[in-house]
N, C-alpha and C. Protein backbone atom coordinates (compact mmCIF):
# COMPACT_ATOMS: atom_id res chain seq x y z
N MET A 1 -9.92 -2.68 -20.47
CA MET A 1 -10.67 -3.74 -19.82
C MET A 1 -9.73 -4.80 -19.26
N MET A 2 -8.61 -5.00 -19.90
CA MET A 2 -7.65 -6.00 -19.46
C MET A 2 -7.16 -5.70 -18.04
N LYS A 3 -6.91 -4.43 -17.73
CA LYS A 3 -6.41 -4.07 -16.41
C LYS A 3 -7.45 -4.40 -15.34
N ASP A 4 -8.73 -4.11 -15.61
CA ASP A 4 -9.78 -4.41 -14.64
C ASP A 4 -9.86 -5.90 -14.37
N GLN A 5 -9.73 -6.72 -15.40
CA GLN A 5 -9.76 -8.17 -15.22
C GLN A 5 -8.58 -8.61 -14.37
N TYR A 6 -7.43 -7.99 -14.58
CA TYR A 6 -6.24 -8.31 -13.79
C TYR A 6 -6.48 -7.97 -12.31
N LEU A 7 -7.07 -6.82 -12.08
CA LEU A 7 -7.34 -6.42 -10.69
C LEU A 7 -8.30 -7.39 -10.04
N ASP A 8 -9.36 -7.76 -10.77
CA ASP A 8 -10.33 -8.70 -10.22
C ASP A 8 -9.69 -10.05 -9.95
N SER A 9 -8.82 -10.52 -10.86
CA SER A 9 -8.20 -11.82 -10.65
C SER A 9 -7.26 -11.79 -9.45
N HIS A 10 -6.61 -10.65 -9.21
CA HIS A 10 -5.75 -10.52 -8.03
C HIS A 10 -6.57 -10.71 -6.76
N LEU A 11 -7.72 -10.07 -6.72
CA LEU A 11 -8.55 -10.17 -5.52
C LEU A 11 -9.06 -11.59 -5.32
N ASN A 12 -9.43 -12.24 -6.41
CA ASN A 12 -9.97 -13.59 -6.31
C ASN A 12 -8.90 -14.63 -6.02
N SER A 13 -7.65 -14.29 -6.21
CA SER A 13 -6.58 -15.26 -5.98
C SER A 13 -6.32 -15.50 -4.50
N GLY A 14 -6.82 -14.62 -3.65
CA GLY A 14 -6.61 -14.76 -2.22
C GLY A 14 -5.20 -14.40 -1.78
N GLN A 15 -4.44 -13.71 -2.63
CA GLN A 15 -3.08 -13.32 -2.27
C GLN A 15 -3.10 -12.39 -1.07
N GLN A 16 -2.26 -12.68 -0.12
CA GLN A 16 -2.11 -11.80 1.02
C GLN A 16 -0.64 -11.73 1.38
N THR A 17 -0.25 -10.56 1.81
CA THR A 17 1.13 -10.38 2.23
C THR A 17 1.29 -10.99 3.62
N THR A 18 2.39 -11.71 3.79
CA THR A 18 2.67 -12.34 5.07
C THR A 18 3.76 -11.56 5.79
N ILE A 19 3.91 -11.83 7.07
CA ILE A 19 4.96 -11.16 7.85
C ILE A 19 6.33 -11.43 7.25
N PRO A 20 6.68 -12.68 6.88
CA PRO A 20 8.00 -12.88 6.29
C PRO A 20 8.23 -12.07 5.01
N GLU A 21 7.20 -11.96 4.16
CA GLU A 21 7.35 -11.16 2.94
C GLU A 21 7.61 -9.69 3.29
N LEU A 22 6.82 -9.19 4.22
CA LEU A 22 6.98 -7.80 4.62
C LEU A 22 8.35 -7.59 5.26
N ALA A 23 8.74 -8.50 6.11
CA ALA A 23 10.04 -8.38 6.77
C ALA A 23 11.17 -8.42 5.76
N SER A 24 11.06 -9.28 4.74
CA SER A 24 12.14 -9.34 3.75
C SER A 24 12.21 -8.04 2.97
N ASP A 25 11.06 -7.43 2.68
CA ASP A 25 11.06 -6.12 2.03
C ASP A 25 11.74 -5.10 2.94
N LEU A 26 11.42 -5.13 4.22
CA LEU A 26 11.93 -4.13 5.15
C LEU A 26 13.43 -4.28 5.41
N ARG A 27 13.95 -5.50 5.27
CA ARG A 27 15.37 -5.73 5.53
C ARG A 27 16.19 -5.88 4.25
N ALA A 28 15.59 -5.65 3.11
CA ALA A 28 16.25 -5.92 1.83
C ALA A 28 17.59 -5.21 1.70
N ASP A 29 17.67 -3.97 2.10
CA ASP A 29 18.91 -3.20 1.95
C ASP A 29 19.08 -2.31 3.17
N PRO A 30 20.08 -2.58 4.01
CA PRO A 30 20.26 -1.80 5.24
C PRO A 30 20.42 -0.31 4.98
N ARG A 31 20.92 0.06 3.81
CA ARG A 31 21.08 1.50 3.50
C ARG A 31 19.74 2.19 3.36
N MET A 32 18.69 1.40 3.15
CA MET A 32 17.36 1.98 2.98
C MET A 32 16.66 2.21 4.32
N ALA A 33 17.27 1.78 5.41
CA ALA A 33 16.63 1.87 6.73
C ALA A 33 16.08 3.26 7.05
N PRO A 34 16.83 4.35 6.81
CA PRO A 34 16.26 5.67 7.13
C PRO A 34 15.03 6.00 6.27
N VAL A 35 15.06 5.61 5.01
CA VAL A 35 13.92 5.88 4.12
C VAL A 35 12.72 5.06 4.57
N ILE A 36 12.97 3.80 4.90
CA ILE A 36 11.88 2.93 5.35
C ILE A 36 11.31 3.43 6.67
N GLU A 37 12.16 3.92 7.55
CA GLU A 37 11.69 4.45 8.84
C GLU A 37 10.75 5.64 8.63
N VAL A 38 11.09 6.52 7.72
CA VAL A 38 10.22 7.66 7.41
C VAL A 38 8.91 7.15 6.81
N PHE A 39 9.02 6.21 5.87
CA PHE A 39 7.82 5.65 5.25
C PHE A 39 6.91 5.04 6.31
N MET A 40 7.48 4.25 7.22
CA MET A 40 6.68 3.57 8.23
C MET A 40 5.97 4.56 9.16
N ALA A 41 6.58 5.71 9.39
CA ALA A 41 5.94 6.74 10.21
C ALA A 41 4.75 7.35 9.47
N GLU A 42 4.86 7.46 8.15
CA GLU A 42 3.81 8.08 7.34
C GLU A 42 2.74 7.10 6.88
N PHE A 43 3.06 5.81 6.81
CA PHE A 43 2.16 4.81 6.24
C PHE A 43 0.77 4.83 6.89
N PRO A 44 0.66 4.81 8.23
CA PRO A 44 -0.68 4.83 8.84
C PRO A 44 -1.46 6.10 8.50
N ILE A 45 -0.78 7.22 8.41
CA ILE A 45 -1.43 8.49 8.08
C ILE A 45 -1.95 8.45 6.65
N LEU A 46 -1.12 7.96 5.73
CA LEU A 46 -1.54 7.84 4.33
C LEU A 46 -2.73 6.89 4.20
N MET A 47 -2.69 5.77 4.91
CA MET A 47 -3.78 4.80 4.82
C MET A 47 -5.07 5.35 5.42
N GLU A 48 -4.96 6.11 6.48
CA GLU A 48 -6.15 6.73 7.06
C GLU A 48 -6.80 7.67 6.04
N ARG A 49 -5.96 8.45 5.37
CA ARG A 49 -6.46 9.38 4.35
C ARG A 49 -7.08 8.63 3.17
N ILE A 50 -6.39 7.61 2.68
CA ILE A 50 -6.90 6.84 1.54
C ILE A 50 -8.23 6.18 1.89
N SER A 51 -8.33 5.62 3.07
CA SER A 51 -9.58 4.97 3.50
C SER A 51 -10.73 5.98 3.57
N ALA A 52 -10.46 7.14 4.14
CA ALA A 52 -11.50 8.17 4.25
C ALA A 52 -11.95 8.64 2.86
N ILE A 53 -11.00 8.87 1.98
CA ILE A 53 -11.32 9.33 0.62
C ILE A 53 -12.14 8.27 -0.12
N ALA A 54 -11.75 7.01 0.02
CA ALA A 54 -12.48 5.93 -0.65
C ALA A 54 -13.90 5.84 -0.12
N ASN A 55 -14.07 5.99 1.19
CA ASN A 55 -15.40 5.95 1.78
C ASN A 55 -16.27 7.11 1.32
N GLN A 56 -15.63 8.22 0.95
CA GLN A 56 -16.36 9.37 0.40
C GLN A 56 -16.61 9.21 -1.10
N GLN A 57 -16.06 8.16 -1.69
CA GLN A 57 -16.19 7.85 -3.11
C GLN A 57 -15.63 8.95 -4.00
N ASN A 58 -14.58 9.60 -3.54
CA ASN A 58 -13.92 10.66 -4.30
C ASN A 58 -12.77 10.04 -5.10
N LEU A 59 -13.08 9.62 -6.33
CA LEU A 59 -12.11 8.88 -7.13
C LEU A 59 -10.91 9.71 -7.55
N GLN A 60 -11.09 10.99 -7.78
CA GLN A 60 -9.96 11.84 -8.18
C GLN A 60 -8.95 11.95 -7.04
N ASP A 61 -9.44 12.23 -5.83
CA ASP A 61 -8.53 12.30 -4.67
C ASP A 61 -7.95 10.94 -4.33
N LEU A 62 -8.74 9.88 -4.55
CA LEU A 62 -8.23 8.53 -4.30
C LEU A 62 -7.07 8.23 -5.25
N LYS A 63 -7.22 8.61 -6.50
CA LYS A 63 -6.15 8.40 -7.48
C LYS A 63 -4.88 9.12 -7.03
N SER A 64 -5.01 10.38 -6.62
CA SER A 64 -3.85 11.17 -6.19
C SER A 64 -3.20 10.59 -4.94
N SER A 65 -4.00 10.21 -3.97
CA SER A 65 -3.45 9.68 -2.71
C SER A 65 -2.81 8.31 -2.92
N ALA A 66 -3.43 7.47 -3.75
CA ALA A 66 -2.84 6.17 -4.05
C ALA A 66 -1.52 6.34 -4.79
N HIS A 67 -1.48 7.32 -5.68
CA HIS A 67 -0.25 7.61 -6.42
C HIS A 67 0.86 8.06 -5.46
N ARG A 68 0.49 8.88 -4.48
CA ARG A 68 1.45 9.35 -3.47
C ARG A 68 1.99 8.17 -2.65
N LEU A 69 1.09 7.27 -2.24
CA LEU A 69 1.51 6.08 -1.50
C LEU A 69 2.41 5.20 -2.36
N LYS A 70 2.04 5.04 -3.62
CA LYS A 70 2.84 4.22 -4.54
C LYS A 70 4.25 4.79 -4.66
N GLY A 71 4.37 6.10 -4.80
CA GLY A 71 5.68 6.73 -4.91
C GLY A 71 6.51 6.57 -3.65
N ALA A 72 5.87 6.75 -2.50
CA ALA A 72 6.59 6.61 -1.23
C ALA A 72 7.06 5.17 -1.03
N ALA A 73 6.19 4.21 -1.32
CA ALA A 73 6.56 2.80 -1.17
C ALA A 73 7.67 2.43 -2.16
N GLY A 74 7.58 2.95 -3.37
CA GLY A 74 8.62 2.69 -4.36
C GLY A 74 9.96 3.24 -3.93
N SER A 75 9.95 4.44 -3.37
CA SER A 75 11.19 5.06 -2.89
C SER A 75 11.83 4.25 -1.77
N ALA A 76 10.97 3.60 -0.97
CA ALA A 76 11.47 2.80 0.15
C ALA A 76 11.77 1.36 -0.26
N GLY A 77 11.48 1.02 -1.51
CA GLY A 77 11.75 -0.33 -1.99
C GLY A 77 10.75 -1.37 -1.50
N LEU A 78 9.56 -0.93 -1.11
CA LEU A 78 8.54 -1.83 -0.58
C LEU A 78 7.61 -2.24 -1.72
N THR A 79 8.01 -3.27 -2.44
CA THR A 79 7.36 -3.62 -3.70
C THR A 79 5.91 -4.05 -3.55
N ARG A 80 5.57 -4.79 -2.51
CA ARG A 80 4.18 -5.25 -2.35
C ARG A 80 3.25 -4.07 -2.13
N ILE A 81 3.65 -3.14 -1.31
CA ILE A 81 2.83 -1.95 -1.06
C ILE A 81 2.76 -1.11 -2.33
N TYR A 82 3.89 -0.98 -3.01
CA TYR A 82 3.94 -0.25 -4.29
C TYR A 82 2.94 -0.84 -5.28
N ASP A 83 2.95 -2.17 -5.43
CA ASP A 83 2.05 -2.82 -6.39
C ASP A 83 0.59 -2.60 -6.02
N LEU A 84 0.25 -2.79 -4.76
CA LEU A 84 -1.14 -2.62 -4.34
C LEU A 84 -1.60 -1.17 -4.50
N ALA A 85 -0.76 -0.23 -4.13
CA ALA A 85 -1.12 1.19 -4.29
C ALA A 85 -1.33 1.51 -5.77
N GLY A 86 -0.51 0.95 -6.64
CA GLY A 86 -0.68 1.15 -8.08
C GLY A 86 -2.00 0.59 -8.57
N ARG A 87 -2.41 -0.53 -8.01
CA ARG A 87 -3.69 -1.13 -8.40
C ARG A 87 -4.87 -0.27 -7.91
N VAL A 88 -4.72 0.30 -6.71
CA VAL A 88 -5.77 1.21 -6.22
C VAL A 88 -5.86 2.42 -7.15
N GLU A 89 -4.72 2.95 -7.55
CA GLU A 89 -4.69 4.08 -8.47
C GLU A 89 -5.40 3.72 -9.78
N GLU A 90 -5.10 2.55 -10.33
CA GLU A 90 -5.76 2.09 -11.57
C GLU A 90 -7.27 1.96 -11.38
N CYS A 91 -7.68 1.44 -10.23
CA CYS A 91 -9.11 1.32 -9.95
C CYS A 91 -9.79 2.69 -9.93
N ALA A 92 -9.14 3.66 -9.33
CA ALA A 92 -9.71 5.01 -9.28
C ALA A 92 -9.84 5.57 -10.69
N ILE A 93 -8.84 5.36 -11.52
CA ILE A 93 -8.87 5.83 -12.90
C ILE A 93 -10.01 5.16 -13.67
N ASN A 94 -10.21 3.86 -13.42
CA ASN A 94 -11.21 3.07 -14.15
C ASN A 94 -12.57 3.01 -13.45
N HIS A 95 -12.75 3.82 -12.41
CA HIS A 95 -14.03 3.90 -11.68
C HIS A 95 -14.45 2.53 -11.13
N ARG A 96 -13.50 1.84 -10.52
CA ARG A 96 -13.76 0.52 -9.93
C ARG A 96 -13.63 0.62 -8.42
N LEU A 97 -14.52 1.37 -7.81
CA LEU A 97 -14.44 1.64 -6.37
C LEU A 97 -14.51 0.37 -5.53
N GLU A 98 -15.37 -0.55 -5.90
CA GLU A 98 -15.52 -1.78 -5.11
C GLU A 98 -14.21 -2.57 -5.06
N VAL A 99 -13.54 -2.67 -6.20
CA VAL A 99 -12.25 -3.36 -6.25
C VAL A 99 -11.22 -2.57 -5.44
N ALA A 100 -11.24 -1.25 -5.59
CA ALA A 100 -10.30 -0.40 -4.84
C ALA A 100 -10.48 -0.61 -3.34
N LEU A 101 -11.71 -0.69 -2.88
CA LEU A 101 -11.96 -0.88 -1.45
C LEU A 101 -11.37 -2.19 -0.94
N SER A 102 -11.45 -3.24 -1.74
CA SER A 102 -10.85 -4.53 -1.34
C SER A 102 -9.33 -4.43 -1.27
N LEU A 103 -8.74 -3.73 -2.23
CA LEU A 103 -7.29 -3.54 -2.22
C LEU A 103 -6.87 -2.68 -1.02
N ILE A 104 -7.67 -1.68 -0.71
CA ILE A 104 -7.39 -0.81 0.45
C ILE A 104 -7.47 -1.62 1.74
N ASP A 105 -8.42 -2.55 1.81
CA ASP A 105 -8.48 -3.45 2.98
C ASP A 105 -7.17 -4.21 3.14
N GLU A 106 -6.63 -4.72 2.04
CA GLU A 106 -5.36 -5.45 2.09
C GLU A 106 -4.23 -4.51 2.51
N LEU A 107 -4.20 -3.29 1.98
CA LEU A 107 -3.18 -2.32 2.39
C LEU A 107 -3.28 -1.99 3.87
N ASN A 108 -4.50 -1.85 4.37
CA ASN A 108 -4.69 -1.59 5.81
C ASN A 108 -4.20 -2.77 6.64
N ARG A 109 -4.43 -3.99 6.15
CA ARG A 109 -3.94 -5.18 6.85
C ARG A 109 -2.41 -5.17 6.90
N ILE A 110 -1.78 -4.83 5.78
CA ILE A 110 -0.32 -4.75 5.72
C ILE A 110 0.17 -3.66 6.67
N CYS A 111 -0.53 -2.55 6.72
CA CYS A 111 -0.15 -1.45 7.61
C CYS A 111 -0.18 -1.91 9.06
N ARG A 112 -1.23 -2.63 9.44
CA ARG A 112 -1.31 -3.15 10.83
C ARG A 112 -0.18 -4.12 11.11
N LEU A 113 0.11 -5.01 10.14
CA LEU A 113 1.24 -5.94 10.28
C LEU A 113 2.55 -5.19 10.47
N ALA A 114 2.74 -4.17 9.65
CA ALA A 114 3.99 -3.40 9.70
C ALA A 114 4.16 -2.71 11.04
N ILE A 115 3.08 -2.16 11.56
CA ILE A 115 3.15 -1.46 12.84
C ILE A 115 3.45 -2.46 13.97
N ARG A 116 2.77 -3.60 13.95
CA ARG A 116 2.99 -4.62 14.99
C ARG A 116 4.40 -5.19 14.95
N ASN A 117 4.96 -5.30 13.77
CA ASN A 117 6.25 -5.97 13.60
C ASN A 117 7.38 -5.01 13.24
N LYS A 118 7.18 -3.74 13.55
CA LYS A 118 8.18 -2.73 13.22
C LYS A 118 9.45 -2.97 14.02
N PRO A 119 10.60 -3.02 13.31
CA PRO A 119 11.85 -3.17 14.05
C PRO A 119 12.13 -1.92 14.87
N PRO A 120 12.84 -2.05 15.97
CA PRO A 120 13.14 -0.88 16.80
C PRO A 120 13.98 0.13 16.02
N SER A 121 13.77 1.41 16.32
CA SER A 121 14.55 2.47 15.68
C SER A 121 15.98 2.39 16.14
N LYS A 122 16.86 2.72 15.22
CA LYS A 122 18.29 2.77 15.58
C LYS A 122 18.61 4.18 16.01
N THR A 123 19.13 4.31 17.21
CA THR A 123 19.51 5.63 17.70
C THR A 123 21.00 5.78 17.59
N ARG A 124 21.42 6.98 17.34
CA ARG A 124 22.86 7.26 17.18
C ARG A 124 23.39 7.98 18.36
């Protein structure tokens, strides 16, 4: 029950990721640029899938897809996305679809921010 209260309090806090926060995550370590570039290419696809699964109310697939997003974000060092994806996964486990949908809305907002503010690819 403690985890559900934590998820609810996160939503009620009005926390939102800002462009500077996202940018600092994206520029944290230049060696991560190739990993982040791959993640950014996949992020919209993953979010489209997660949104569709959530709308179908398929909690088992939502758990798996959120876990996949969490792992990808963690590998890229994108902590805010990692945290939110982990919370979506917890919601799916605890059958808290309404909370998960709110978190997914925030992830979709971050995805749109990331796409709009994506740094240019480095060509060799």
